[in-house]
N, C-alpha and C. Protein backbone atom coordinates (compact mmCIF):
# COMPACT_ATOMS: atom_id res chain seq x y z
N MET A 1 9.17 -5.74 -10.44
CA MET A 1 9.59 -4.34 -10.38
C MET A 1 9.89 -3.97 -8.93
N ASN A 2 11.17 -3.83 -8.57
CA ASN A 2 11.54 -3.53 -7.20
C ASN A 2 11.60 -2.03 -7.00
N GLU A 3 10.81 -1.53 -6.06
CA GLU A 3 10.71 -0.09 -5.87
C GLU A 3 11.40 0.38 -4.60
N GLY A 4 12.26 -0.46 -4.02
CA GLY A 4 13.01 -0.04 -2.86
C GLY A 4 12.29 -0.16 -1.54
N PHE A 5 11.13 -0.80 -1.51
CA PHE A 5 10.38 -0.95 -0.28
C PHE A 5 10.44 -2.38 0.25
N GLY A 6 11.29 -3.17 -0.33
CA GLY A 6 11.45 -4.55 0.12
C GLY A 6 10.54 -5.53 -0.58
N HIS A 7 9.82 -5.07 -1.58
CA HIS A 7 8.93 -5.95 -2.33
C HIS A 7 9.06 -5.68 -3.82
N ARG A 8 9.09 -6.73 -4.60
CA ARG A 8 9.16 -6.61 -6.05
C ARG A 8 7.74 -6.73 -6.61
N PHE A 9 7.18 -5.62 -7.05
CA PHE A 9 5.79 -5.60 -7.51
C PHE A 9 5.66 -6.23 -8.89
N SER A 10 4.72 -7.16 -8.98
CA SER A 10 4.39 -7.72 -10.29
C SER A 10 3.29 -6.90 -10.94
N SER A 11 2.57 -6.10 -10.14
CA SER A 11 1.53 -5.20 -10.66
C SER A 11 1.88 -3.77 -10.27
N PRO A 12 2.68 -3.09 -11.08
CA PRO A 12 3.11 -1.72 -10.75
C PRO A 12 1.95 -0.75 -10.54
N ASP A 13 0.80 -1.05 -11.15
CA ASP A 13 -0.35 -0.16 -10.99
C ASP A 13 -0.78 -0.07 -9.53
N LEU A 14 -0.62 -1.16 -8.79
CA LEU A 14 -0.97 -1.15 -7.37
C LEU A 14 -0.09 -0.18 -6.60
N LEU A 15 1.19 -0.20 -6.89
CA LEU A 15 2.10 0.71 -6.23
C LEU A 15 1.78 2.16 -6.59
N GLN A 16 1.49 2.39 -7.84
CA GLN A 16 1.16 3.74 -8.29
C GLN A 16 -0.07 4.27 -7.56
N GLN A 17 -1.08 3.40 -7.42
CA GLN A 17 -2.31 3.81 -6.72
C GLN A 17 -2.02 4.07 -5.24
N ALA A 18 -1.19 3.24 -4.63
CA ALA A 18 -0.88 3.41 -3.21
C ALA A 18 -0.20 4.74 -2.92
N LEU A 19 0.51 5.26 -3.90
CA LEU A 19 1.26 6.51 -3.71
C LEU A 19 0.54 7.72 -4.28
N ARG A 20 -0.72 7.57 -4.66
CA ARG A 20 -1.49 8.69 -5.20
C ARG A 20 -2.49 9.19 -4.16
N HIS A 21 -2.25 10.40 -3.68
CA HIS A 21 -3.13 11.03 -2.70
C HIS A 21 -4.44 11.45 -3.37
N ARG A 22 -5.50 11.55 -2.57
CA ARG A 22 -6.81 11.89 -3.15
C ARG A 22 -6.81 13.25 -3.84
N SER A 23 -5.90 14.15 -3.43
CA SER A 23 -5.83 15.47 -4.06
C SER A 23 -5.33 15.39 -5.49
N ALA A 24 -4.73 14.24 -5.86
CA ALA A 24 -4.19 14.07 -7.21
C ALA A 24 -5.23 13.55 -8.19
N GLY A 25 -6.43 13.21 -7.69
CA GLY A 25 -7.48 12.77 -8.59
C GLY A 25 -8.01 11.39 -8.26
N PRO A 26 -8.77 10.80 -9.17
CA PRO A 26 -9.37 9.48 -8.94
C PRO A 26 -8.32 8.37 -8.93
N SER A 27 -8.78 7.18 -8.62
CA SER A 27 -7.90 6.02 -8.48
C SER A 27 -6.78 6.34 -7.49
N ASN A 28 -7.18 6.92 -6.35
CA ASN A 28 -6.18 7.28 -5.33
C ASN A 28 -6.07 6.18 -4.27
N ASN A 29 -5.38 6.49 -3.18
CA ASN A 29 -5.03 5.43 -2.23
C ASN A 29 -5.99 5.29 -1.05
N GLU A 30 -7.15 5.92 -1.08
CA GLU A 30 -8.05 5.87 0.08
C GLU A 30 -8.55 4.46 0.39
N ARG A 31 -8.95 3.71 -0.63
CA ARG A 31 -9.42 2.34 -0.38
C ARG A 31 -8.28 1.45 0.10
N LEU A 32 -7.12 1.61 -0.50
CA LEU A 32 -5.97 0.83 -0.05
C LEU A 32 -5.60 1.18 1.39
N GLU A 33 -5.73 2.43 1.74
CA GLU A 33 -5.45 2.87 3.11
C GLU A 33 -6.35 2.14 4.10
N PHE A 34 -7.62 1.97 3.76
CA PHE A 34 -8.57 1.24 4.62
C PHE A 34 -8.09 -0.17 4.90
N LEU A 35 -7.68 -0.86 3.85
CA LEU A 35 -7.21 -2.24 4.02
C LEU A 35 -5.87 -2.26 4.74
N GLY A 36 -5.00 -1.34 4.39
CA GLY A 36 -3.67 -1.30 5.00
C GLY A 36 -3.72 -1.05 6.50
N ASP A 37 -4.66 -0.23 6.93
CA ASP A 37 -4.80 0.04 8.36
C ASP A 37 -5.07 -1.26 9.11
N ALA A 38 -5.96 -2.08 8.59
CA ALA A 38 -6.27 -3.36 9.24
C ALA A 38 -5.07 -4.30 9.21
N LEU A 39 -4.35 -4.32 8.11
CA LEU A 39 -3.20 -5.20 7.99
C LEU A 39 -2.08 -4.81 8.96
N VAL A 40 -1.80 -3.52 9.04
CA VAL A 40 -0.76 -3.05 9.96
C VAL A 40 -1.11 -3.41 11.39
N ASN A 41 -2.37 -3.19 11.77
CA ASN A 41 -2.80 -3.53 13.13
C ASN A 41 -2.65 -5.02 13.40
N LEU A 42 -2.99 -5.84 12.42
CA LEU A 42 -2.88 -7.30 12.60
C LEU A 42 -1.43 -7.73 12.70
N ILE A 43 -0.59 -7.22 11.83
CA ILE A 43 0.83 -7.61 11.83
C ILE A 43 1.49 -7.23 13.15
N VAL A 44 1.23 -6.03 13.62
CA VAL A 44 1.83 -5.57 14.87
C VAL A 44 1.24 -6.32 16.06
N ALA A 45 -0.08 -6.53 16.06
CA ALA A 45 -0.72 -7.26 17.16
C ALA A 45 -0.18 -8.68 17.26
N GLU A 46 -0.04 -9.34 16.13
CA GLU A 46 0.48 -10.71 16.13
C GLU A 46 1.90 -10.76 16.67
N ALA A 47 2.72 -9.79 16.28
CA ALA A 47 4.11 -9.75 16.75
C ALA A 47 4.17 -9.56 18.26
N LEU A 48 3.36 -8.65 18.78
CA LEU A 48 3.35 -8.41 20.23
C LEU A 48 2.80 -9.61 20.99
N PHE A 49 1.74 -10.21 20.46
CA PHE A 49 1.14 -11.38 21.10
C PHE A 49 2.16 -12.52 21.22
N THR A 50 2.96 -12.69 20.18
CA THR A 50 3.95 -13.76 20.17
C THR A 50 5.12 -13.47 21.10
N ARG A 51 5.57 -12.23 21.11
CA ARG A 51 6.77 -11.88 21.86
C ARG A 51 6.52 -11.61 23.34
N TRP A 52 5.31 -11.24 23.69
CA TRP A 52 4.98 -10.92 25.08
C TRP A 52 3.95 -11.93 25.60
N PRO A 53 4.34 -13.18 25.83
CA PRO A 53 3.37 -14.22 26.22
C PRO A 53 2.69 -13.98 27.57
N LYS A 54 3.28 -13.13 28.42
CA LYS A 54 2.70 -12.90 29.74
C LYS A 54 1.99 -11.54 29.86
N ALA A 55 2.01 -10.75 28.80
CA ALA A 55 1.38 -9.42 28.86
C ALA A 55 -0.13 -9.56 28.79
N ASP A 56 -0.83 -8.71 29.54
CA ASP A 56 -2.29 -8.77 29.50
C ASP A 56 -2.82 -7.95 28.31
N GLU A 57 -4.14 -8.00 28.14
CA GLU A 57 -4.75 -7.34 26.99
C GLU A 57 -4.49 -5.83 26.99
N GLY A 58 -4.56 -5.23 28.17
CA GLY A 58 -4.35 -3.79 28.25
C GLY A 58 -2.97 -3.38 27.78
N ALA A 59 -1.94 -4.11 28.22
CA ALA A 59 -0.57 -3.80 27.83
C ALA A 59 -0.37 -4.00 26.33
N LEU A 60 -0.94 -5.07 25.80
CA LEU A 60 -0.84 -5.33 24.37
C LEU A 60 -1.53 -4.24 23.56
N THR A 61 -2.69 -3.82 24.02
CA THR A 61 -3.44 -2.78 23.31
C THR A 61 -2.68 -1.46 23.31
N ARG A 62 -2.13 -1.09 24.45
CA ARG A 62 -1.38 0.17 24.53
C ARG A 62 -0.11 0.12 23.68
N ALA A 63 0.55 -1.04 23.68
CA ALA A 63 1.76 -1.16 22.87
C ALA A 63 1.44 -1.05 21.39
N ARG A 64 0.39 -1.72 20.98
CA ARG A 64 0.00 -1.62 19.55
C ARG A 64 -0.34 -0.19 19.19
N ALA A 65 -1.10 0.48 20.06
CA ALA A 65 -1.49 1.86 19.77
C ALA A 65 -0.28 2.77 19.61
N SER A 66 0.74 2.56 20.43
CA SER A 66 1.93 3.40 20.33
C SER A 66 2.70 3.14 19.05
N LEU A 67 2.63 1.92 18.55
CA LEU A 67 3.38 1.54 17.35
C LEU A 67 2.68 1.94 16.06
N VAL A 68 1.36 1.97 16.07
CA VAL A 68 0.62 2.24 14.82
C VAL A 68 -0.02 3.63 14.79
N ARG A 69 0.29 4.47 15.77
CA ARG A 69 -0.25 5.82 15.74
C ARG A 69 0.33 6.59 14.56
N GLU A 70 -0.36 7.66 14.21
CA GLU A 70 -0.03 8.41 13.00
C GLU A 70 1.43 8.84 12.96
N SER A 71 1.93 9.39 14.06
CA SER A 71 3.30 9.89 14.07
C SER A 71 4.32 8.77 13.88
N SER A 72 4.04 7.60 14.46
CA SER A 72 4.95 6.45 14.31
C SER A 72 4.98 5.96 12.87
N LEU A 73 3.81 5.86 12.25
CA LEU A 73 3.76 5.43 10.85
C LEU A 73 4.43 6.44 9.94
N ALA A 74 4.26 7.72 10.25
CA ALA A 74 4.89 8.77 9.44
C ALA A 74 6.41 8.66 9.50
N GLU A 75 6.95 8.34 10.67
CA GLU A 75 8.39 8.19 10.80
C GLU A 75 8.91 7.02 9.96
N ILE A 76 8.15 5.93 9.93
CA ILE A 76 8.54 4.81 9.08
C ILE A 76 8.50 5.23 7.62
N ALA A 77 7.45 5.95 7.24
CA ALA A 77 7.33 6.42 5.87
C ALA A 77 8.53 7.29 5.48
N ARG A 78 8.96 8.15 6.39
CA ARG A 78 10.13 8.99 6.11
C ARG A 78 11.38 8.15 5.95
N SER A 79 11.52 7.13 6.78
CA SER A 79 12.71 6.28 6.68
C SER A 79 12.77 5.53 5.35
N LEU A 80 11.60 5.31 4.75
CA LEU A 80 11.53 4.64 3.45
C LEU A 80 11.61 5.62 2.28
N GLY A 81 11.67 6.90 2.60
CA GLY A 81 11.69 7.91 1.54
C GLY A 81 10.37 8.02 0.80
N LEU A 82 9.29 7.73 1.50
CA LEU A 82 7.98 7.67 0.86
C LEU A 82 7.48 9.05 0.42
N GLY A 83 7.83 10.07 1.20
CA GLY A 83 7.33 11.40 0.91
C GLY A 83 7.66 11.89 -0.49
N ASP A 84 8.85 11.58 -0.94
CA ASP A 84 9.27 12.04 -2.27
C ASP A 84 8.57 11.30 -3.40
N ARG A 85 7.89 10.22 -3.06
CA ARG A 85 7.26 9.39 -4.09
C ARG A 85 5.74 9.60 -4.17
N ILE A 86 5.17 10.30 -3.19
CA ILE A 86 3.72 10.47 -3.16
C ILE A 86 3.28 11.47 -4.22
N GLU A 87 2.25 11.10 -4.98
CA GLU A 87 1.69 11.99 -5.99
C GLU A 87 0.60 12.84 -5.34
N LEU A 88 0.81 14.16 -5.37
CA LEU A 88 -0.11 15.09 -4.73
C LEU A 88 -0.71 16.06 -5.73
N GLY A 89 -1.89 16.59 -5.40
CA GLY A 89 -2.48 17.64 -6.21
C GLY A 89 -1.73 18.95 -6.00
N PRO A 90 -1.96 19.94 -6.85
CA PRO A 90 -1.22 21.20 -6.77
C PRO A 90 -1.29 21.87 -5.40
N GLY A 91 -2.49 21.88 -4.79
CA GLY A 91 -2.65 22.53 -3.49
C GLY A 91 -1.82 21.88 -2.41
N GLU A 92 -1.90 20.55 -2.31
CA GLU A 92 -1.14 19.82 -1.31
C GLU A 92 0.36 19.92 -1.58
N LEU A 93 0.73 19.92 -2.85
CA LEU A 93 2.14 20.01 -3.21
C LEU A 93 2.71 21.35 -2.75
N LYS A 94 1.93 22.41 -2.98
CA LYS A 94 2.37 23.76 -2.63
C LYS A 94 2.49 23.92 -1.12
N SER A 95 1.61 23.27 -0.38
CA SER A 95 1.60 23.42 1.09
C SER A 95 2.54 22.44 1.79
N GLY A 96 3.30 21.67 1.04
CA GLY A 96 4.24 20.74 1.64
C GLY A 96 3.61 19.48 2.18
N GLY A 97 2.58 19.00 1.49
CA GLY A 97 1.86 17.82 1.95
C GLY A 97 2.72 16.58 2.08
N HIS A 98 3.80 16.51 1.31
CA HIS A 98 4.66 15.32 1.37
C HIS A 98 5.41 15.21 2.70
N ARG A 99 5.34 16.28 3.52
CA ARG A 99 5.99 16.24 4.84
C ARG A 99 4.99 16.02 5.97
N ARG A 100 3.69 16.05 5.65
CA ARG A 100 2.67 15.99 6.70
C ARG A 100 2.47 14.56 7.21
N ASP A 101 2.40 14.42 8.54
CA ASP A 101 2.27 13.09 9.15
C ASP A 101 1.07 12.33 8.61
N SER A 102 -0.08 13.00 8.50
CA SER A 102 -1.30 12.30 8.10
C SER A 102 -1.17 11.72 6.70
N ILE A 103 -0.60 12.48 5.78
CA ILE A 103 -0.45 12.00 4.40
C ILE A 103 0.58 10.88 4.33
N LEU A 104 1.67 11.02 5.07
CA LEU A 104 2.70 9.98 5.08
C LEU A 104 2.18 8.68 5.68
N ALA A 105 1.45 8.79 6.80
CA ALA A 105 0.91 7.59 7.45
C ALA A 105 -0.10 6.88 6.56
N ASP A 106 -0.97 7.66 5.92
CA ASP A 106 -1.96 7.07 5.02
C ASP A 106 -1.29 6.36 3.85
N ALA A 107 -0.25 6.97 3.30
CA ALA A 107 0.45 6.37 2.17
C ALA A 107 1.15 5.07 2.59
N LEU A 108 1.68 5.06 3.80
CA LEU A 108 2.33 3.84 4.28
C LEU A 108 1.32 2.71 4.40
N GLU A 109 0.16 3.01 4.97
CA GLU A 109 -0.89 1.98 5.09
C GLU A 109 -1.33 1.51 3.70
N ALA A 110 -1.45 2.43 2.76
CA ALA A 110 -1.83 2.05 1.39
C ALA A 110 -0.76 1.17 0.77
N LEU A 111 0.49 1.48 1.03
CA LEU A 111 1.60 0.67 0.50
C LEU A 111 1.53 -0.76 1.05
N VAL A 112 1.24 -0.89 2.33
CA VAL A 112 1.11 -2.22 2.94
C VAL A 112 0.00 -3.01 2.25
N ALA A 113 -1.13 -2.37 2.00
CA ALA A 113 -2.23 -3.04 1.30
C ALA A 113 -1.82 -3.45 -0.11
N ALA A 114 -1.10 -2.58 -0.79
CA ALA A 114 -0.66 -2.89 -2.15
C ALA A 114 0.26 -4.10 -2.17
N ILE A 115 1.16 -4.16 -1.19
CA ILE A 115 2.07 -5.32 -1.11
C ILE A 115 1.28 -6.60 -0.86
N HIS A 116 0.31 -6.52 0.04
CA HIS A 116 -0.53 -7.68 0.35
C HIS A 116 -1.30 -8.16 -0.88
N LEU A 117 -1.91 -7.23 -1.60
CA LEU A 117 -2.71 -7.60 -2.77
C LEU A 117 -1.83 -8.12 -3.91
N ASP A 118 -0.59 -7.67 -3.93
CA ASP A 118 0.33 -8.09 -4.98
C ASP A 118 0.96 -9.43 -4.66
N SER A 119 0.82 -9.89 -3.41
CA SER A 119 1.45 -11.15 -3.01
C SER A 119 0.49 -11.95 -2.14
N ASP A 120 0.74 -12.01 -0.85
CA ASP A 120 -0.14 -12.67 0.11
C ASP A 120 0.20 -12.15 1.50
N PHE A 121 -0.56 -12.57 2.49
CA PHE A 121 -0.36 -12.01 3.82
C PHE A 121 1.02 -12.33 4.39
N ALA A 122 1.46 -13.58 4.23
CA ALA A 122 2.75 -13.98 4.80
C ALA A 122 3.89 -13.15 4.18
N SER A 123 3.84 -12.97 2.88
CA SER A 123 4.88 -12.18 2.20
C SER A 123 4.82 -10.73 2.65
N CYS A 124 3.61 -10.21 2.79
CA CYS A 124 3.44 -8.84 3.25
C CYS A 124 4.01 -8.68 4.66
N ARG A 125 3.71 -9.60 5.54
CA ARG A 125 4.22 -9.54 6.91
C ARG A 125 5.74 -9.57 6.93
N ASP A 126 6.34 -10.38 6.07
CA ASP A 126 7.80 -10.47 6.02
C ASP A 126 8.44 -9.15 5.62
N VAL A 127 7.75 -8.39 4.79
CA VAL A 127 8.26 -7.09 4.36
C VAL A 127 8.01 -6.03 5.42
N VAL A 128 6.83 -6.03 5.99
CA VAL A 128 6.39 -4.94 6.86
C VAL A 128 6.93 -5.03 8.28
N LEU A 129 6.98 -6.23 8.85
CA LEU A 129 7.36 -6.36 10.26
C LEU A 129 8.74 -5.75 10.56
N PRO A 130 9.74 -5.92 9.71
CA PRO A 130 11.04 -5.29 10.00
C PRO A 130 10.98 -3.77 10.15
N TRP A 131 10.00 -3.13 9.54
CA TRP A 131 9.86 -1.68 9.69
C TRP A 131 9.58 -1.30 11.14
N PHE A 132 8.97 -2.22 11.89
CA PHE A 132 8.58 -1.95 13.27
C PHE A 132 9.54 -2.54 14.30
N GLU A 133 10.51 -3.33 13.85
CA GLU A 133 11.37 -4.07 14.77
C GLU A 133 12.05 -3.18 15.80
N ALA A 134 12.67 -2.11 15.34
CA ALA A 134 13.42 -1.25 16.27
C ALA A 134 12.49 -0.66 17.33
N SER A 135 11.30 -0.24 16.92
CA SER A 135 10.36 0.35 17.88
C SER A 135 9.83 -0.69 18.85
N ILE A 136 9.60 -1.90 18.37
CA ILE A 136 9.14 -2.97 19.26
C ILE A 136 10.20 -3.29 20.31
N GLU A 137 11.46 -3.32 19.88
CA GLU A 137 12.55 -3.66 20.79
C GLU A 137 12.71 -2.60 21.90
N LYS A 138 12.34 -1.38 21.60
CA LYS A 138 12.49 -0.30 22.58
C LYS A 138 11.39 -0.31 23.63
N LEU A 139 10.30 -1.01 23.36
CA LEU A 139 9.17 -1.01 24.30
C LEU A 139 9.51 -1.82 25.55
N PRO A 140 9.18 -1.29 26.73
CA PRO A 140 9.33 -2.08 27.95
C PRO A 140 8.27 -3.18 27.98
N VAL A 141 8.69 -4.41 28.01
CA VAL A 141 7.77 -5.54 27.85
C VAL A 141 6.63 -5.49 28.86
N GLY A 142 5.41 -5.39 28.31
CA GLY A 142 4.22 -5.44 29.13
C GLY A 142 3.96 -4.22 29.98
N LYS A 143 4.76 -3.15 29.81
CA LYS A 143 4.61 -1.99 30.68
C LYS A 143 4.58 -0.69 29.88
N VAL A 144 3.86 -0.66 28.80
CA VAL A 144 3.75 0.55 28.00
C VAL A 144 2.89 1.57 28.73
N GLU A 145 3.37 2.80 28.80
CA GLU A 145 2.65 3.84 29.53
C GLU A 145 1.27 4.09 28.93
N LYS A 146 0.31 4.24 29.79
CA LYS A 146 -1.05 4.53 29.34
C LYS A 146 -1.14 5.98 28.86
N ASP A 147 -2.04 6.22 27.91
CA ASP A 147 -2.20 7.58 27.41
C ASP A 147 -2.95 8.43 28.43
N ALA A 148 -2.92 9.75 28.21
CA ALA A 148 -3.47 10.69 29.19
C ALA A 148 -4.96 10.49 29.43
N LYS A 149 -5.73 10.24 28.37
CA LYS A 149 -7.16 10.05 28.53
C LYS A 149 -7.45 8.82 29.40
N THR A 150 -6.72 7.76 29.16
CA THR A 150 -6.91 6.54 29.96
C THR A 150 -6.54 6.78 31.41
N ARG A 151 -5.41 7.45 31.64
CA ARG A 151 -4.96 7.70 33.01
C ARG A 151 -5.93 8.61 33.75
N LEU A 152 -6.47 9.61 33.05
CA LEU A 152 -7.44 10.51 33.70
C LEU A 152 -8.71 9.75 34.07
N GLN A 153 -9.20 8.93 33.15
CA GLN A 153 -10.42 8.19 33.43
C GLN A 153 -10.22 7.21 34.59
N GLU A 154 -9.06 6.57 34.64
CA GLU A 154 -8.80 5.63 35.72
C GLU A 154 -8.67 6.35 37.06
N TRP A 155 -8.08 7.56 37.04
CA TRP A 155 -7.96 8.36 38.27
C TRP A 155 -9.35 8.68 38.81
N LEU A 156 -10.25 9.08 37.92
CA LEU A 156 -11.61 9.43 38.34
C LEU A 156 -12.40 8.20 38.79
N GLN A 157 -12.27 7.12 38.05
CA GLN A 157 -13.00 5.89 38.40
C GLN A 157 -12.57 5.36 39.76
N ALA A 158 -11.28 5.44 40.05
CA ALA A 158 -10.77 4.94 41.33
C ALA A 158 -11.36 5.70 42.51
N ARG A 159 -11.80 6.92 42.24
CA ARG A 159 -12.38 7.77 43.29
C ARG A 159 -13.89 7.90 43.13
N GLN A 160 -14.46 7.10 42.26
CA GLN A 160 -15.91 7.08 41.99
C GLN A 160 -16.42 8.47 41.60
N LYS A 161 -15.65 9.12 40.73
CA LYS A 161 -16.02 10.44 40.23
C LYS A 161 -16.61 10.31 38.82
N PRO A 162 -17.40 11.33 38.39
CA PRO A 162 -17.97 11.29 37.04
C PRO A 162 -16.89 11.28 35.96
N ARG A 163 -17.21 10.74 34.83
CA ARG A 163 -16.27 10.65 33.72
C ARG A 163 -16.00 12.03 33.13
N PRO A 164 -14.86 12.23 32.50
CA PRO A 164 -14.57 13.52 31.87
C PRO A 164 -15.39 13.71 30.59
N GLU A 165 -15.58 14.96 30.22
CA GLU A 165 -16.25 15.30 28.97
C GLU A 165 -15.27 16.06 28.08
N TYR A 166 -15.35 15.78 26.79
CA TYR A 166 -14.49 16.45 25.82
C TYR A 166 -15.37 17.22 24.84
N ARG A 167 -15.02 18.48 24.63
CA ARG A 167 -15.82 19.33 23.74
C ARG A 167 -14.91 19.99 22.71
N LEU A 168 -15.31 19.90 21.47
CA LEU A 168 -14.59 20.62 20.42
C LEU A 168 -15.02 22.08 20.49
N VAL A 169 -14.09 22.96 20.80
CA VAL A 169 -14.40 24.38 20.94
C VAL A 169 -14.36 25.08 19.60
N GLU A 170 -13.32 24.78 18.81
CA GLU A 170 -13.22 25.38 17.49
C GLU A 170 -12.23 24.61 16.65
N SER A 171 -12.37 24.79 15.35
CA SER A 171 -11.37 24.30 14.40
C SER A 171 -11.05 25.45 13.47
N SER A 172 -9.79 25.61 13.14
CA SER A 172 -9.38 26.73 12.32
C SER A 172 -8.31 26.29 11.34
N GLY A 173 -8.09 27.13 10.33
CA GLY A 173 -7.06 26.83 9.34
C GLY A 173 -7.63 26.28 8.06
N GLU A 174 -6.76 26.06 7.08
CA GLU A 174 -7.17 25.49 5.80
C GLU A 174 -7.52 24.02 5.97
N ASP A 175 -8.27 23.49 5.00
CA ASP A 175 -8.71 22.09 5.09
C ASP A 175 -7.53 21.13 5.22
N HIS A 176 -6.42 21.47 4.58
CA HIS A 176 -5.28 20.55 4.60
C HIS A 176 -4.42 20.72 5.85
N ALA A 177 -4.72 21.73 6.67
CA ALA A 177 -3.91 21.97 7.86
C ALA A 177 -4.79 22.49 9.00
N LEU A 178 -5.83 21.76 9.33
CA LEU A 178 -6.76 22.18 10.38
C LEU A 178 -6.10 22.11 11.76
N LEU A 179 -6.51 23.03 12.62
CA LEU A 179 -6.06 23.04 14.00
C LEU A 179 -7.30 22.97 14.88
N PHE A 180 -7.30 22.02 15.81
CA PHE A 180 -8.47 21.79 16.66
C PHE A 180 -8.18 22.26 18.09
N ARG A 181 -9.17 22.91 18.71
CA ARG A 181 -9.06 23.25 20.13
C ARG A 181 -10.16 22.50 20.88
N VAL A 182 -9.74 21.72 21.84
CA VAL A 182 -10.65 20.85 22.59
C VAL A 182 -10.56 21.17 24.07
N GLU A 183 -11.70 21.16 24.74
CA GLU A 183 -11.75 21.31 26.18
C GLU A 183 -12.00 19.96 26.83
N CYS A 184 -11.29 19.72 27.91
CA CYS A 184 -11.55 18.55 28.76
C CYS A 184 -12.10 19.08 30.07
N CYS A 185 -13.29 18.60 30.45
CA CYS A 185 -13.97 19.11 31.65
C CYS A 185 -14.28 17.96 32.61
N ILE A 186 -13.98 18.18 33.89
CA ILE A 186 -14.43 17.25 34.92
C ILE A 186 -15.16 18.06 35.97
N SER A 187 -16.12 17.42 36.62
CA SER A 187 -16.98 18.15 37.57
C SER A 187 -16.56 17.99 39.03
N ASP A 188 -15.82 16.91 39.34
CA ASP A 188 -15.46 16.66 40.73
C ASP A 188 -14.10 15.97 40.80
N PRO A 189 -13.06 16.75 41.09
CA PRO A 189 -13.03 18.19 41.36
C PRO A 189 -13.26 18.99 40.08
N SER A 190 -13.78 20.20 40.23
CA SER A 190 -14.09 21.02 39.06
C SER A 190 -12.81 21.50 38.39
N CYS A 191 -12.68 21.17 37.12
CA CYS A 191 -11.47 21.55 36.40
C CYS A 191 -11.75 21.49 34.90
N THR A 192 -11.33 22.52 34.18
CA THR A 192 -11.46 22.55 32.73
C THR A 192 -10.16 23.07 32.13
N GLU A 193 -9.64 22.32 31.16
CA GLU A 193 -8.43 22.73 30.45
C GLU A 193 -8.65 22.51 28.96
N SER A 194 -7.98 23.33 28.17
CA SER A 194 -8.08 23.18 26.72
C SER A 194 -6.70 23.03 26.10
N ALA A 195 -6.68 22.52 24.88
CA ALA A 195 -5.41 22.34 24.17
C ALA A 195 -5.66 22.35 22.66
N HIS A 196 -4.64 22.76 21.92
CA HIS A 196 -4.69 22.77 20.46
C HIS A 196 -3.84 21.61 19.92
N ALA A 197 -4.26 21.08 18.77
CA ALA A 197 -3.45 20.07 18.08
C ALA A 197 -3.95 19.93 16.65
N GLY A 198 -3.17 19.25 15.85
CA GLY A 198 -3.52 19.07 14.45
C GLY A 198 -4.53 17.99 14.18
N SER A 199 -4.92 17.24 15.21
CA SER A 199 -5.98 16.24 15.07
C SER A 199 -6.84 16.28 16.32
N LEU A 200 -8.08 15.86 16.19
CA LEU A 200 -9.00 15.87 17.31
C LEU A 200 -8.50 14.97 18.44
N ARG A 201 -8.00 13.82 18.06
CA ARG A 201 -7.52 12.86 19.06
C ARG A 201 -6.35 13.43 19.85
N ALA A 202 -5.41 14.05 19.14
CA ALA A 202 -4.24 14.62 19.82
C ALA A 202 -4.63 15.77 20.73
N ALA A 203 -5.60 16.57 20.30
CA ALA A 203 -6.06 17.68 21.13
C ALA A 203 -6.73 17.16 22.41
N GLU A 204 -7.52 16.11 22.29
CA GLU A 204 -8.15 15.51 23.47
C GLU A 204 -7.11 14.98 24.44
N GLN A 205 -6.09 14.32 23.91
CA GLN A 205 -5.03 13.78 24.77
C GLN A 205 -4.29 14.90 25.49
N ALA A 206 -4.00 15.98 24.77
CA ALA A 206 -3.26 17.08 25.37
C ALA A 206 -4.08 17.78 26.45
N ALA A 207 -5.38 17.94 26.19
CA ALA A 207 -6.26 18.56 27.18
C ALA A 207 -6.39 17.67 28.42
N ALA A 208 -6.52 16.38 28.21
CA ALA A 208 -6.60 15.44 29.33
C ALA A 208 -5.33 15.47 30.17
N ALA A 209 -4.19 15.57 29.51
CA ALA A 209 -2.92 15.62 30.23
C ALA A 209 -2.84 16.85 31.12
N ARG A 210 -3.38 17.97 30.63
CA ARG A 210 -3.36 19.20 31.43
C ARG A 210 -4.28 19.09 32.64
N VAL A 211 -5.45 18.50 32.45
CA VAL A 211 -6.35 18.31 33.58
C VAL A 211 -5.72 17.37 34.60
N LEU A 212 -5.13 16.30 34.13
CA LEU A 212 -4.53 15.32 35.03
C LEU A 212 -3.40 15.96 35.84
N ALA A 213 -2.57 16.76 35.18
CA ALA A 213 -1.46 17.41 35.88
C ALA A 213 -1.98 18.35 36.97
N LYS A 214 -3.09 19.03 36.68
CA LYS A 214 -3.64 19.99 37.63
C LYS A 214 -4.25 19.28 38.84
N ILE A 215 -5.04 18.24 38.60
CA ILE A 215 -5.71 17.59 39.74
C ILE A 215 -4.72 16.77 40.58
N GLU A 216 -3.70 16.24 39.93
CA GLU A 216 -2.70 15.48 40.71
C GLU A 216 -1.87 16.40 41.60
N ALA A 217 -1.83 17.68 41.24
CA ALA A 217 -1.07 18.65 42.05
C ALA A 217 -1.91 19.25 43.18
N MET A 218 -3.23 18.94 43.15
CA MET A 218 -4.09 19.48 44.21
C MET A 218 -3.77 18.82 45.55
N PRO A 219 -3.87 19.60 46.64
CA PRO A 219 -3.59 19.03 47.98
C PRO A 219 -4.66 18.03 48.37
C-alpha cells in the first residue's frame, strides 16, 4: 500500500497509528514517536559522519541539532503533505493542530518509526535520508553556527565567569498552545533578559541571545 511517502506499507495499521495524534484517542503515535526520534537522529548523524570526515564532534553535534530540531522536521512534514493526513481530536482540529510544528514534527518521527517497523533500518534510511538532503547540502561543512546558549556559556567560560541561570517565569495559554516566558540571568557582568516562545527550549535560546547581544555591546 503506497501512501505517497516513498514507502509501500505492507501493514497499513502502522501507518494509521503513526498519523493518529494522542488527542484522537488510544493507539496513537506517541510510542512510535519515541522510536522515530532515535531513528531520525541516527540516520542524520550517520550521514554527517560519512560526509564530513574532518569535522569534530562539536560541529557534527550542532549540524545534527539544526537538522532534527522541531521546526526543521515540521517543514519536512509539510513538504510531504503530512498535516492533511494527521488524525486529530475535535479540540486540536478546531485549533488548527495540523499546522502546528510540534504535532507535525511528532507525526514525522512516528512515520519514520512505522516505516522502520514495516521494513528494516536500511530500507527506512533509504526513504528518510532524501528528506534531509537539501538541508544537509546547504550546511557549511564543519562550521555550523553554535546556538545562543552555547555561545553565551563559552563567552562566560572564556572569562572565568559564573554560568548563566535560566528561570521559567510563567507559562500561559491553552494546553495545546502554551507560551513560555523565561529569564536568562548572569551575575558578572550583571544582566537579566527574558523572552517568550512556544517551547521552553526556544524561550531559553531567545533569552540567551538577548543577554549575549547586550554584554557583547558593553564597552
